[in-house]
Structures are given as C-alpha cells and as structure tokens.
PDB file of N, CA and C in Angstrom:
ATOM      1  N   MET A   1     -60.660-144.232  28.221  1.00  0.00           N
ATOM      2  CA  MET A   1     -61.601-143.712  27.232  1.00  0.00           C
ATOM      3  C   MET A   1     -62.513-142.707  27.928  1.00  0.00           C
ATOM      4  N   ILE A   2     -62.858-141.647  27.205  1.00  0.00           N
ATOM      5  CA  ILE A   2     -63.772-140.658  27.776  1.00  0.00           C
ATOM      6  C   ILE A   2     -65.197-141.200  27.737  1.00  0.00           C
ATOM      7  N   GLU A   3     -66.021-140.630  28.578  1.00  0.00           N
ATOM      8  CA  GLU A   3     -67.422-141.024  28.639  1.00  0.00           C
ATOM      9  C   GLU A   3     -68.233-140.097  27.743  1.00  0.00           C
ATOM     10  N   VAL A   4     -68.971-140.683  26.799  1.00  0.00           N
ATOM     11  CA  VAL A   4     -69.861-139.921  25.928  1.00  0.00           C
ATOM     12  C   VAL A   4     -71.240-140.538  26.066  1.00  0.00           C
ATOM     13  N   THR A   5     -72.213-139.754  26.529  1.00  0.00           N
ATOM     14  CA  THR A   5     -73.580-140.244  26.655  1.00  0.00           C
ATOM     15  C   THR A   5     -74.500-139.406  25.775  1.00  0.00           C
ATOM     16  N   PHE A   6     -75.643-139.978  25.440  1.00  0.00           N
ATOM     17  CA  PHE A   6     -76.636-139.297  24.609  1.00  0.00           C
ATOM     18  C   PHE A   6     -77.948-139.205  25.373  1.00  0.00           C
ATOM     19  N   GLU A   7     -78.610-138.067  25.217  1.00  0.00           N
ATOM     20  CA  GLU A   7     -79.908-137.850  25.827  1.00  0.00           C
ATOM     21  C   GLU A   7     -80.807-137.200  24.776  1.00  0.00           C
ATOM     22  N   ILE A   8     -81.851-137.912  24.393  1.00  0.00           N
ATOM     23  CA  ILE A   8     -82.781-137.410  23.386  1.00  0.00           C
ATOM     24  C   ILE A   8     -84.157-137.281  24.021  1.00  0.00           C
ATOM     25  N   ASN A   9     -84.707-136.082  23.929  1.00  0.00           N
ATOM     26  CA  ASN A   9     -86.009-135.796  24.516  1.00  0.00           C
ATOM     27  C   ASN A   9     -86.047-136.163  25.995  1.00  0.00           C
ATOM     28  N   GLY A  10     -84.938-135.901  26.699  1.00  0.00           N
ATOM     29  CA  GLY A  10     -84.871-136.160  28.126  1.00  0.00           C
ATOM     30  C   GLY A  10     -84.617-137.602  28.514  1.00  0.00           C
ATOM     31  N   ARG A  11     -84.414-138.477  27.540  1.00  0.00           N
ATOM     32  CA  ARG A  11     -84.210-139.902  27.816  1.00  0.00           C
ATOM     33  C   ARG A  11     -82.814-140.323  27.375  1.00  0.00           C
ATOM     34  N   LYS A  12     -82.074-140.979  28.285  1.00  0.00           N
ATOM     35  CA  LYS A  12     -80.752-141.483  27.920  1.00  0.00           C
ATOM     36  C   LYS A  12     -80.898-142.605  26.902  1.00  0.00           C
ATOM     37  N   VAL A  13     -80.065-142.566  25.880  1.00  0.00           N
ATOM     38  CA  VAL A  13     -80.064-143.618  24.864  1.00  0.00           C
ATOM     39  C   VAL A  13     -78.626-144.022  24.570  1.00  0.00           C
ATOM     40  N   ARG A  14     -78.456-145.258  24.151  1.00  0.00           N
ATOM     41  CA  ARG A  14     -77.160-145.757  23.707  1.00  0.00           C
ATOM     42  C   ARG A  14     -77.266-146.022  22.223  1.00  0.00           C
ATOM     43  N   PRO A  15     -76.220-145.695  21.471  1.00  0.00           N
ATOM     44  CA  PRO A  15     -76.298-145.895  20.019  1.00  0.00           C
ATOM     45  C   PRO A  15     -76.706-147.311  19.627  1.00  0.00           C
ATOM     46  N   GLY A  16     -76.221-148.317  20.329  1.00  0.00           N
ATOM     47  CA  GLY A  16     -76.547-149.698  19.989  1.00  0.00           C
ATOM     48  C   GLY A  16     -77.982-150.097  20.279  1.00  0.00           C
ATOM     49  N   GLU A  17     -78.715-149.267  21.033  1.00  0.00           N
ATOM     50  CA  GLU A  17     -80.095-149.583  21.393  1.00  0.00           C
ATOM     51  C   GLU A  17     -81.111-148.866  20.507  1.00  0.00           C
ATOM     52  N   ILE A  18     -80.641-148.106  19.560  1.00  0.00           N
ATOM     53  CA  ILE A  18     -81.543-147.359  18.690  1.00  0.00           C
ATOM     54  C   ILE A  18     -82.009-148.281  17.573  1.00  0.00           C
ATOM     55  N   GLY A  19     -83.304-148.352  17.358  1.00  0.00           N
ATOM     56  CA  GLY A  19     -83.854-149.285  16.387  1.00  0.00           C
ATOM     57  C   GLY A  19     -83.519-148.966  14.941  1.00  0.00           C
ATOM     58  N   ASP A  20     -83.531-147.730  14.562  1.00  0.00           N
ATOM     59  CA  ASP A  20     -83.267-147.318  13.195  1.00  0.00           C
ATOM     60  C   ASP A  20     -81.765-147.421  12.913  1.00  0.00           C
ATOM     61  N   VAL A  21     -81.380-148.236  11.966  1.00  0.00           N
ATOM     62  CA  VAL A  21     -79.969-148.484  11.675  1.00  0.00           C
ATOM     63  C   VAL A  21     -79.258-147.211  11.243  1.00  0.00           C
ATOM     64  N   LEU A  22     -79.907-146.377  10.460  1.00  0.00           N
ATOM     65  CA  LEU A  22     -79.293-145.131  10.011  1.00  0.00           C
ATOM     66  C   LEU A  22     -79.033-144.201  11.199  1.00  0.00           C
ATOM     67  N   LYS A  23     -80.016-144.060  12.076  1.00  0.00           N
ATOM     68  CA  LYS A  23     -79.834-143.221  13.262  1.00  0.00           C
ATOM     69  C   LYS A  23     -78.728-143.788  14.143  1.00  0.00           C
ATOM     70  N   GLN A  24     -78.713-145.091  14.293  1.00  0.00           N
ATOM     71  CA  GLN A  24     -77.674-145.736  15.092  1.00  0.00           C
ATOM     72  C   GLN A  24     -76.291-145.402  14.540  1.00  0.00           C
ATOM     73  N   ALA A  25     -76.134-145.499  13.234  1.00  0.00           N
ATOM     74  CA  ALA A  25     -74.851-145.192  12.602  1.00  0.00           C
ATOM     75  C   ALA A  25     -74.474-143.729  12.816  1.00  0.00           C
ATOM     76  N   MET A  26     -75.454-142.837  12.768  1.00  0.00           N
ATOM     77  CA  MET A  26     -75.174-141.411  12.971  1.00  0.00           C
ATOM     78  C   MET A  26     -74.699-141.139  14.394  1.00  0.00           C
ATOM     79  N   PHE A  27     -75.364-141.749  15.377  1.00  0.00           N
ATOM     80  CA  PHE A  27     -74.952-141.576  16.768  1.00  0.00           C
ATOM     81  C   PHE A  27     -73.550-142.142  16.983  1.00  0.00           C
ATOM     82  N   GLU A  28     -73.275-143.289  16.400  1.00  0.00           N
ATOM     83  CA  GLU A  28     -71.950-143.885  16.539  1.00  0.00           C
ATOM     84  C   GLU A  28     -70.881-142.995  15.906  1.00  0.00           C
ATOM     85  N   GLU A  29     -71.190-142.392  14.780  1.00  0.00           N
ATOM     86  CA  GLU A  29     -70.241-141.495  14.118  1.00  0.00           C
ATOM     87  C   GLU A  29     -69.987-140.251  14.967  1.00  0.00           C
ATOM     88  N   ILE A  30     -71.039-139.701  15.570  1.00  0.00           N
ATOM     89  CA  ILE A  30     -70.889-138.545  16.460  1.00  0.00           C
ATOM     90  C   ILE A  30     -69.986-138.921  17.631  1.00  0.00           C
ATOM     91  N   ARG A  31     -70.275-140.053  18.259  1.00  0.00           N
ATOM     92  CA  ARG A  31     -69.476-140.506  19.396  1.00  0.00           C
ATOM     93  C   ARG A  31     -68.012-140.698  18.988  1.00  0.00           C
ATOM     94  N   ASP A  32     -67.783-141.386  17.879  1.00  0.00           N
ATOM     95  CA  ASP A  32     -66.416-141.657  17.427  1.00  0.00           C
ATOM     96  C   ASP A  32     -65.670-140.367  17.095  1.00  0.00           C
ATOM     97  N   ASP A  33     -66.353-139.401  16.488  1.00  0.00           N
ATOM     98  CA  ASP A  33     -65.739-138.123  16.155  1.00  0.00           C
ATOM     99  C   ASP A  33     -65.341-137.368  17.421  1.00  0.00           C
ATOM    100  N   LEU A  34     -66.218-137.375  18.425  1.00  0.00           N
ATOM    101  CA  LEU A  34     -65.892-136.713  19.689  1.00  0.00           C
ATOM    102  C   LEU A  34     -64.696-137.371  20.360  1.00  0.00           C
ATOM    103  N   VAL A  35     -64.662-138.689  20.357  1.00  0.00           N
ATOM    104  CA  VAL A  35     -63.542-139.410  20.968  1.00  0.00           C
ATOM    105  C   VAL A  35     -62.246-139.072  20.236  1.00  0.00           C
ATOM    106  N   ARG A  36     -62.281-139.026  18.905  1.00  0.00           N
ATOM    107  CA  ARG A  36     -61.086-138.664  18.125  1.00  0.00           C
ATOM    108  C   ARG A  36     -60.584-137.267  18.488  1.00  0.00           C
ATOM    109  N   LYS A  37     -61.513-136.342  18.640  1.00  0.00           N
ATOM    110  CA  LYS A  37     -61.123-134.953  18.873  1.00  0.00           C
ATOM    111  C   LYS A  37     -60.690-134.675  20.309  1.00  0.00           C
ATOM    112  N   VAL A  38     -61.334-135.292  21.275  1.00  0.00           N
ATOM    113  CA  VAL A  38     -61.056-134.921  22.671  1.00  0.00           C
ATOM    114  C   VAL A  38     -60.703-136.102  23.572  1.00  0.00           C
ATOM    115  N   GLY A  39     -60.599-137.292  23.022  1.00  0.00           N
ATOM    116  CA  GLY A  39     -60.351-138.485  23.830  1.00  0.00           C
ATOM    117  C   GLY A  39     -59.026-138.499  24.561  1.00  0.00           C
ATOM    118  N   SER A  40     -58.057-137.744  24.099  1.00  0.00           N
ATOM    119  CA  SER A  40     -56.738-137.759  24.744  1.00  0.00           C
ATOM    120  C   SER A  40     -56.586-136.675  25.812  1.00  0.00           C
ATOM    121  N   ILE A  41     -57.615-135.867  26.017  1.00  0.00           N
ATOM    122  CA  ILE A  41     -57.523-134.764  26.978  1.00  0.00           C
ATOM    123  C   ILE A  41     -57.620-135.311  28.403  1.00  0.00           C
ATOM    124  N   ARG A  42     -56.707-134.837  29.248  1.00  0.00           N
ATOM    125  CA  ARG A  42     -56.736-135.145  30.673  1.00  0.00           C
ATOM    126  C   ARG A  42     -56.360-133.893  31.440  1.00  0.00           C
ATOM    127  N   ASP A  43     -56.905-133.784  32.635  1.00  0.00           N
ATOM    128  CA  ASP A  43     -56.516-132.682  33.507  1.00  0.00           C
ATOM    129  C   ASP A  43     -55.077-132.931  33.943  1.00  0.00           C
ATOM    130  N   PRO A  44     -54.182-131.951  33.755  1.00  0.00           N
ATOM    131  CA  PRO A  44     -52.775-132.180  34.074  1.00  0.00           C
ATOM    132  C   PRO A  44     -52.509-132.429  35.558  1.00  0.00           C
ATOM    133  N   GLU A  45     -53.383-131.952  36.423  1.00  0.00           N
ATOM    134  CA  GLU A  45     -53.178-132.123  37.864  1.00  0.00           C
ATOM    135  C   GLU A  45     -53.792-133.411  38.397  1.00  0.00           C
ATOM    136  N   THR A  46     -54.971-133.778  37.903  1.00  0.00           N
ATOM    137  CA  THR A  46     -55.689-134.918  38.486  1.00  0.00           C
ATOM    138  C   THR A  46     -55.740-136.144  37.577  1.00  0.00           C
ATOM    139  N   GLY A  47     -55.472-135.962  36.288  1.00  0.00           N
ATOM    140  CA  GLY A  47     -55.591-137.064  35.341  1.00  0.00           C
ATOM    141  C   GLY A  47     -57.029-137.327  34.913  1.00  0.00           C
ATOM    142  N   GLU A  48     -57.959-136.517  35.426  1.00  0.00           N
ATOM    143  CA  GLU A  48     -59.383-136.665  35.103  1.00  0.00           C
ATOM    144  C   GLU A  48     -59.615-136.468  33.611  1.00  0.00           C
ATOM    145  N   ARG A  49     -60.571-137.215  33.078  1.00  0.00           N
ATOM    146  CA  ARG A  49     -60.975-137.055  31.676  1.00  0.00           C
ATOM    147  C   ARG A  49     -62.328-136.358  31.630  1.00  0.00           C
ATOM    148  N   PRO A  50     -62.607-135.659  30.552  1.00  0.00           N
ATOM    149  CA  PRO A  50     -63.914-134.998  30.455  1.00  0.00           C
ATOM    150  C   PRO A  50     -65.032-136.012  30.247  1.00  0.00           C
ATOM    151  N   LYS A  51     -66.221-135.625  30.668  1.00  0.00           N
ATOM    152  CA  LYS A  51     -67.425-136.407  30.386  1.00  0.00           C
ATOM    153  C   LYS A  51     -68.284-135.551  29.474  1.00  0.00           C
ATOM    154  N   LEU A  52     -68.721-136.132  28.371  1.00  0.00           N
ATOM    155  CA  LEU A  52     -69.527-135.405  27.396  1.00  0.00           C
ATOM    156  C   LEU A  52     -70.940-135.962  27.369  1.00  0.00           C
ATOM    157  N   ARG A  53     -71.921-135.068  27.335  1.00  0.00           N
ATOM    158  CA  ARG A  53     -73.322-135.461  27.201  1.00  0.00           C
ATOM    159  C   ARG A  53     -73.862-134.762  25.964  1.00  0.00           C
ATOM    160  N   VAL A  54     -74.313-135.536  25.000  1.00  0.00           N
ATOM    161  CA  VAL A  54     -74.893-135.005  23.776  1.00  0.00           C
ATOM    162  C   VAL A  54     -76.406-135.032  23.974  1.00  0.00           C
ATOM    163  N   LYS A  55     -77.035-133.850  23.919  1.00  0.00           N
ATOM    164  CA  LYS A  55     -78.461-133.738  24.220  1.00  0.00           C
ATOM    165  C   LYS A  55     -79.202-133.048  23.084  1.00  0.00           C
ATOM    166  N   GLY A  56     -80.472-133.355  22.963  1.00  0.00           N
ATOM    167  CA  GLY A  56     -81.310-132.663  22.001  1.00  0.00           C
ATOM    168  C   GLY A  56     -82.664-133.318  21.864  1.00  0.00           C
ATOM    169  N   ARG A  57     -83.517-132.682  21.098  1.00  0.00           N
ATOM    170  CA  ARG A  57     -84.855-133.233  20.844  1.00  0.00           C
ATOM    171  C   ARG A  57     -84.825-134.304  19.771  1.00  0.00           C
ATOM    172  N   ASN A  58     -83.844-134.180  18.855  1.00  0.00           N
ATOM    173  CA  ASN A  58     -83.708-135.137  17.764  1.00  0.00           C
ATOM    174  C   ASN A  58     -82.298-134.997  17.187  1.00  0.00           C
ATOM    175  N   LEU A  59     -82.007-135.756  16.151  1.00  0.00           N
ATOM    176  CA  LEU A  59     -80.668-135.733  15.566  1.00  0.00           C
ATOM    177  C   LEU A  59     -80.302-134.383  14.963  1.00  0.00           C
ATOM    178  N   GLN A  60     -81.285-133.621  14.537  1.00  0.00           N
ATOM    179  CA  GLN A  60     -81.013-132.336  13.913  1.00  0.00           C
ATOM    180  C   GLN A  60     -80.773-131.221  14.929  1.00  0.00           C
ATOM    181  N   ASN A  61     -81.036-131.486  16.196  1.00  0.00           N
ATOM    182  CA  ASN A  61     -80.947-130.455  17.222  1.00  0.00           C
ATOM    183  C   ASN A  61     -80.182-131.002  18.423  1.00  0.00           C
ATOM    184  N   LEU A  62     -78.860-131.117  18.290  1.00  0.00           N
ATOM    185  CA  LEU A  62     -78.036-131.669  19.363  1.00  0.00           C
ATOM    186  C   LEU A  62     -77.076-130.617  19.902  1.00  0.00           C
ATOM    187  N   SER A  63     -76.832-130.674  21.190  1.00  0.00           N
ATOM    188  CA  SER A  63     -75.811-129.832  21.816  1.00  0.00           C
ATOM    189  C   SER A  63     -74.939-130.727  22.683  1.00  0.00           C
ATOM    190  N   ILE A  64     -73.769-130.223  23.033  1.00  0.00           N
ATOM    191  CA  ILE A  64     -72.822-131.001  23.825  1.00  0.00           C
ATOM    192  C   ILE A  64     -72.585-130.297  25.142  1.00  0.00           C
ATOM    193  N   GLU A  65     -72.776-131.033  26.246  1.00  0.00           N
ATOM    194  CA  GLU A  65     -72.443-130.532  27.569  1.00  0.00           C
ATOM    195  C   GLU A  65     -71.171-131.230  28.014  1.00  0.00           C
ATOM    196  N   VAL A  66     -70.282-130.484  28.655  1.00  0.00           N
ATOM    197  CA  VAL A  66     -69.005-131.030  29.100  1.00  0.00           C
ATOM    198  C   VAL A  66     -68.929-130.934  30.620  1.00  0.00           C
ATOM    199  N   GLU A  67     -68.552-132.040  31.259  1.00  0.00           N
ATOM    200  CA  GLU A  67     -68.324-132.052  32.700  1.00  0.00           C
ATOM    201  C   GLU A  67     -66.847-132.255  32.955  1.00  0.00           C
ATOM    202  N   GLY A  68     -66.332-131.561  33.960  1.00  0.00           N
ATOM    203  CA  GLY A  68     -64.935-131.699  34.335  1.00  0.00           C
ATOM    204  C   GLY A  68     -64.425-130.403  34.924  1.00  0.00           C
ATOM    205  N   SER A  69     -63.144-130.367  35.160  1.00  0.00           N
ATOM    206  CA  SER A  69     -62.519-129.159  35.717  1.00  0.00           C
ATOM    207  C   SER A  69     -62.595-128.030  34.691  1.00  0.00           C
ATOM    208  N   PRO A  70     -62.437-126.800  35.153  1.00  0.00           N
ATOM    209  CA  PRO A  70     -62.443-125.679  34.201  1.00  0.00           C
ATOM    210  C   PRO A  70     -61.410-125.864  33.083  1.00  0.00           C
ATOM    211  N   HIS A  71     -60.242-126.398  33.434  1.00  0.00           N
ATOM    212  CA  HIS A  71     -59.212-126.643  32.415  1.00  0.00           C
ATOM    213  C   HIS A  71     -59.713-127.627  31.357  1.00  0.00           C
ATOM    214  N   LEU A  72     -60.335-128.725  31.797  1.00  0.00           N
ATOM    215  CA  LEU A  72     -60.858-129.717  30.853  1.00  0.00           C
ATOM    216  C   LEU A  72     -61.919-129.112  29.942  1.00  0.00           C
ATOM    217  N   ILE A  73     -62.826-128.372  30.535  1.00  0.00           N
ATOM    218  CA  ILE A  73     -63.921-127.783  29.762  1.00  0.00           C
ATOM    219  C   ILE A  73     -63.373-126.841  28.696  1.00  0.00           C
ATOM    220  N   GLU A  74     -62.427-125.988  29.062  1.00  0.00           N
ATOM    221  CA  GLU A  74     -61.847-125.058  28.095  1.00  0.00           C
ATOM    222  C   GLU A  74     -61.103-125.783  26.978  1.00  0.00           C
ATOM    223  N   GLU A  75     -60.369-126.840  27.326  1.00  0.00           N
ATOM    224  CA  GLU A  75     -59.623-127.582  26.311  1.00  0.00           C
ATOM    225  C   GLU A  75     -60.572-128.304  25.352  1.00  0.00           C
ATOM    226  N   VAL A  76     -61.660-128.870  25.883  1.00  0.00           N
ATOM    227  CA  VAL A  76     -62.649-129.527  25.015  1.00  0.00           C
ATOM    228  C   VAL A  76     -63.258-128.496  24.071  1.00  0.00           C
ATOM    229  N   LYS A  77     -63.648-127.349  24.596  1.00  0.00           N
ATOM    230  CA  LYS A  77     -64.226-126.299  23.750  1.00  0.00           C
ATOM    231  C   LYS A  77     -63.251-125.869  22.667  1.00  0.00           C
ATOM    232  N   ARG A  78     -61.983-125.736  23.024  1.00  0.00           N
ATOM    233  CA  ARG A  78     -60.972-125.322  22.055  1.00  0.00           C
ATOM    234  C   ARG A  78     -60.853-126.355  20.938  1.00  0.00           C
ATOM    235  N   ARG A  79     -60.797-127.629  21.304  1.00  0.00           N
ATOM    236  CA  ARG A  79     -60.632-128.673  20.284  1.00  0.00           C
ATOM    237  C   ARG A  79     -61.867-128.856  19.423  1.00  0.00           C
ATOM    238  N   LEU A  80     -63.031-128.585  20.001  1.00  0.00           N
ATOM    239  CA  LEU A  80     -64.263-128.706  19.225  1.00  0.00           C
ATOM    240  C   LEU A  80     -64.582-127.434  18.453  1.00  0.00           C
ATOM    241  N   GLY A  81     -63.826-126.369  18.734  1.00  0.00           N
ATOM    242  CA  GLY A  81     -64.048-125.123  18.019  1.00  0.00           C
ATOM    243  C   GLY A  81     -65.275-124.383  18.465  1.00  0.00           C
ATOM    244  N   THR A  82     -65.642-124.525  19.735  1.00  0.00           N
ATOM    245  CA  THR A  82     -66.831-123.819  20.241  1.00  0.00           C
ATOM    246  C   THR A  82     -66.455-122.726  21.193  1.00  0.00           C
TER     247      THR A  82
END
C-alpha cells in the first residue's frame, strides 16, 4: 500500500484522529481516492512506491506533494491529471 499522509496548518494529522466526523469522512475519501488512482504505481527498476503528502491550511486549500523517483512522480502526476 502507498503511504498517504496529511498535514494541516503544519501539523500531521490522521483521518481517524480528527474530531469532526464530517471532516474525518472527507479526509478518508481523499485518501481512498488517491489510493485508487495511484496505489498500483511502482518504480519499474526498484519496486519503490510513491509517498503522498496532502498539505494545506484547511480542507478547502489542499495540495499534494509526491516523493519518489522521477519516474514515480511523473506517473502519479499523469494519473492525477496534474
């Protein structure tokens, strides 16, 4: 499974630790959607999987950072349409 982490206002958060049930569901949906779209990507040479960090000040202002080889990063961008 790929690693998907969230960082809001500079603080790492896990969807299950968010107090607001609606926000928790939204974070879980974002995570699940990312896994569906890019979870099967691996670097053909190393087998490495991408690591995704979803960051922003709040739910309305999120961006995705991708860690991995140049090949992984390009493939993630292609699948996410960015």
